[in-house]
Amino acid sequence: MASMHAAALRVDLRLRDVHSLKAKRQRIARLSAKLRRAFPVAFAEVDHHDQWQRTAVGVGIVSSHATQLEMAVHSVCRFFDRWEEAEVLSVGVSYLEDPP
């Protein structure tokens, strides 16, 4: 049986130059589209729904090889670090491992 490796990232962000929840939703939608065009990932806003300058997003990544997964995690983290529309406050990564 082939192995499966998965990671879930939680990225807490402070959004720059956003002054309403409507503007925040538009910014998150653009982020989601841009991220999913660049990487084969799942994306969702997971926290701070009622705050217009803050958000936390979840990103899911699945791979058949652990090294590919780790490279993808680092690439997604670099994507967020380079995204000029927000400041990265924290990044947490959780890994799913196959049972023994």
Protein backbone atom coordinates (compact mmCIF):
# COMPACT_ATOMS: atom_id res chain seq x y z
CA MET A 1 0.00 0.00 0.00
CA ALA A 2 1.32 3.47 -0.90
CA SER A 3 1.95 5.85 1.93
CA MET A 4 0.17 9.14 2.44
CA HIS A 5 1.65 12.21 4.11
CA ALA A 6 -0.42 15.25 5.04
CA ALA A 7 0.09 18.57 6.77
CA ALA A 8 -2.25 21.27 8.00
CA LEU A 9 -0.93 24.80 8.36
CA ARG A 10 -2.57 27.51 10.45
CA VAL A 11 -1.36 30.95 9.42
CA ASP A 12 -2.34 33.95 11.56
CA LEU A 13 -2.25 37.20 9.63
CA ARG A 14 -2.68 40.93 10.21
CA LEU A 15 -4.16 42.43 7.04
CA ARG A 16 -2.75 45.72 5.80
CA ASP A 17 -4.98 48.55 4.56
CA VAL A 18 -8.28 46.78 5.21
CA HIS A 19 -11.03 48.93 6.74
CA SER A 20 -14.15 46.76 6.59
CA LEU A 21 -15.29 43.16 6.72
CA LYS A 22 -16.31 43.40 3.06
CA ALA A 23 -12.78 44.45 2.08
CA LYS A 24 -11.39 41.64 4.24
CA ARG A 25 -13.56 39.04 2.48
CA GLN A 26 -12.40 40.30 -0.92
CA ARG A 27 -8.76 40.14 0.18
CA ILE A 28 -9.18 36.59 1.54
CA ALA A 29 -10.90 35.49 -1.69
CA ARG A 30 -7.99 36.85 -3.76
CA LEU A 31 -5.49 35.16 -1.43
CA SER A 32 -7.32 31.83 -1.71
CA ALA A 33 -7.41 31.98 -5.51
CA LYS A 34 -3.75 33.01 -5.80
CA LEU A 35 -2.57 30.32 -3.36
CA ARG A 36 -4.59 27.56 -5.05
CA ARG A 37 -3.29 28.60 -8.48
CA ALA A 38 0.28 28.33 -7.18
CA PHE A 39 -0.07 25.10 -5.16
CA PRO A 40 -2.38 22.04 -5.05
CA VAL A 41 -3.79 22.83 -1.59
CA ALA A 42 -7.06 23.21 0.28
CA PHE A 43 -7.75 26.61 1.89
CA ALA A 44 -10.20 28.03 4.45
CA GLU A 45 -10.50 30.98 6.79
CA VAL A 46 -10.57 29.39 10.26
CA ASP A 47 -10.61 32.21 12.85
CA HIS A 48 -11.10 35.93 13.50
CA HIS A 49 -14.16 36.02 11.24
CA ASP A 50 -15.55 39.18 12.86
CA GLN A 51 -12.30 41.20 12.94
CA TRP A 52 -11.49 43.13 9.79
CA GLN A 53 -7.72 43.44 10.30
CA ARG A 54 -7.04 39.89 11.47
CA THR A 55 -7.53 36.45 10.02
CA ALA A 56 -6.32 32.92 10.49
CA VAL A 57 -6.33 30.60 7.52
CA GLY A 58 -5.92 26.86 7.25
CA VAL A 59 -4.02 25.25 4.41
CA GLY A 60 -4.12 21.50 3.78
CA ILE A 61 -1.42 19.68 1.81
CA VAL A 62 -1.26 15.98 0.87
CA SER A 63 1.60 14.10 -0.79
CA SER A 64 2.71 10.53 -1.37
CA HIS A 65 6.28 11.36 -0.28
CA ALA A 66 7.43 12.97 2.97
CA THR A 67 10.16 15.00 1.26
CA GLN A 68 7.68 16.44 -1.25
CA LEU A 69 5.33 17.32 1.59
CA GLU A 70 8.08 19.13 3.49
CA MET A 71 9.08 21.06 0.36
CA ALA A 72 5.45 22.06 -0.19
CA VAL A 73 5.07 23.22 3.43
CA HIS A 74 8.17 25.43 3.10
CA SER A 75 6.99 26.79 -0.26
CA VAL A 76 3.58 27.74 1.15
CA CYS A 77 5.24 29.42 4.15
CA ARG A 78 7.47 31.43 1.79
CA PHE A 79 4.37 32.40 -0.21
CA PHE A 80 2.81 33.93 2.91
CA ASP A 81 6.06 35.64 3.93
CA ARG A 82 6.24 37.31 0.49
CA TRP A 83 2.56 38.31 0.35
CA GLU A 84 2.72 42.07 0.78
CA GLU A 85 -0.93 42.55 1.75
CA ALA A 86 -0.49 41.02 5.21
CA GLU A 87 1.94 40.52 8.07
CA VAL A 88 2.46 36.93 9.20
CA LEU A 89 1.96 36.77 12.97
CA SER A 90 2.46 33.03 13.40
CA VAL A 91 2.52 29.75 11.53
CA GLY A 92 1.69 26.37 13.02
CA VAL A 93 2.09 23.06 11.23
CA SER A 94 0.44 19.77 12.19
CA TYR A 95 1.36 16.53 10.45
CA LEU A 96 -0.81 13.48 9.88
CA GLU A 97 1.16 10.27 10.06
CA ASP A 98 0.18 6.83 8.91
CA PRO A 99 -0.53 4.44 11.79
CA PRO A 100 2.17 1.80 12.38
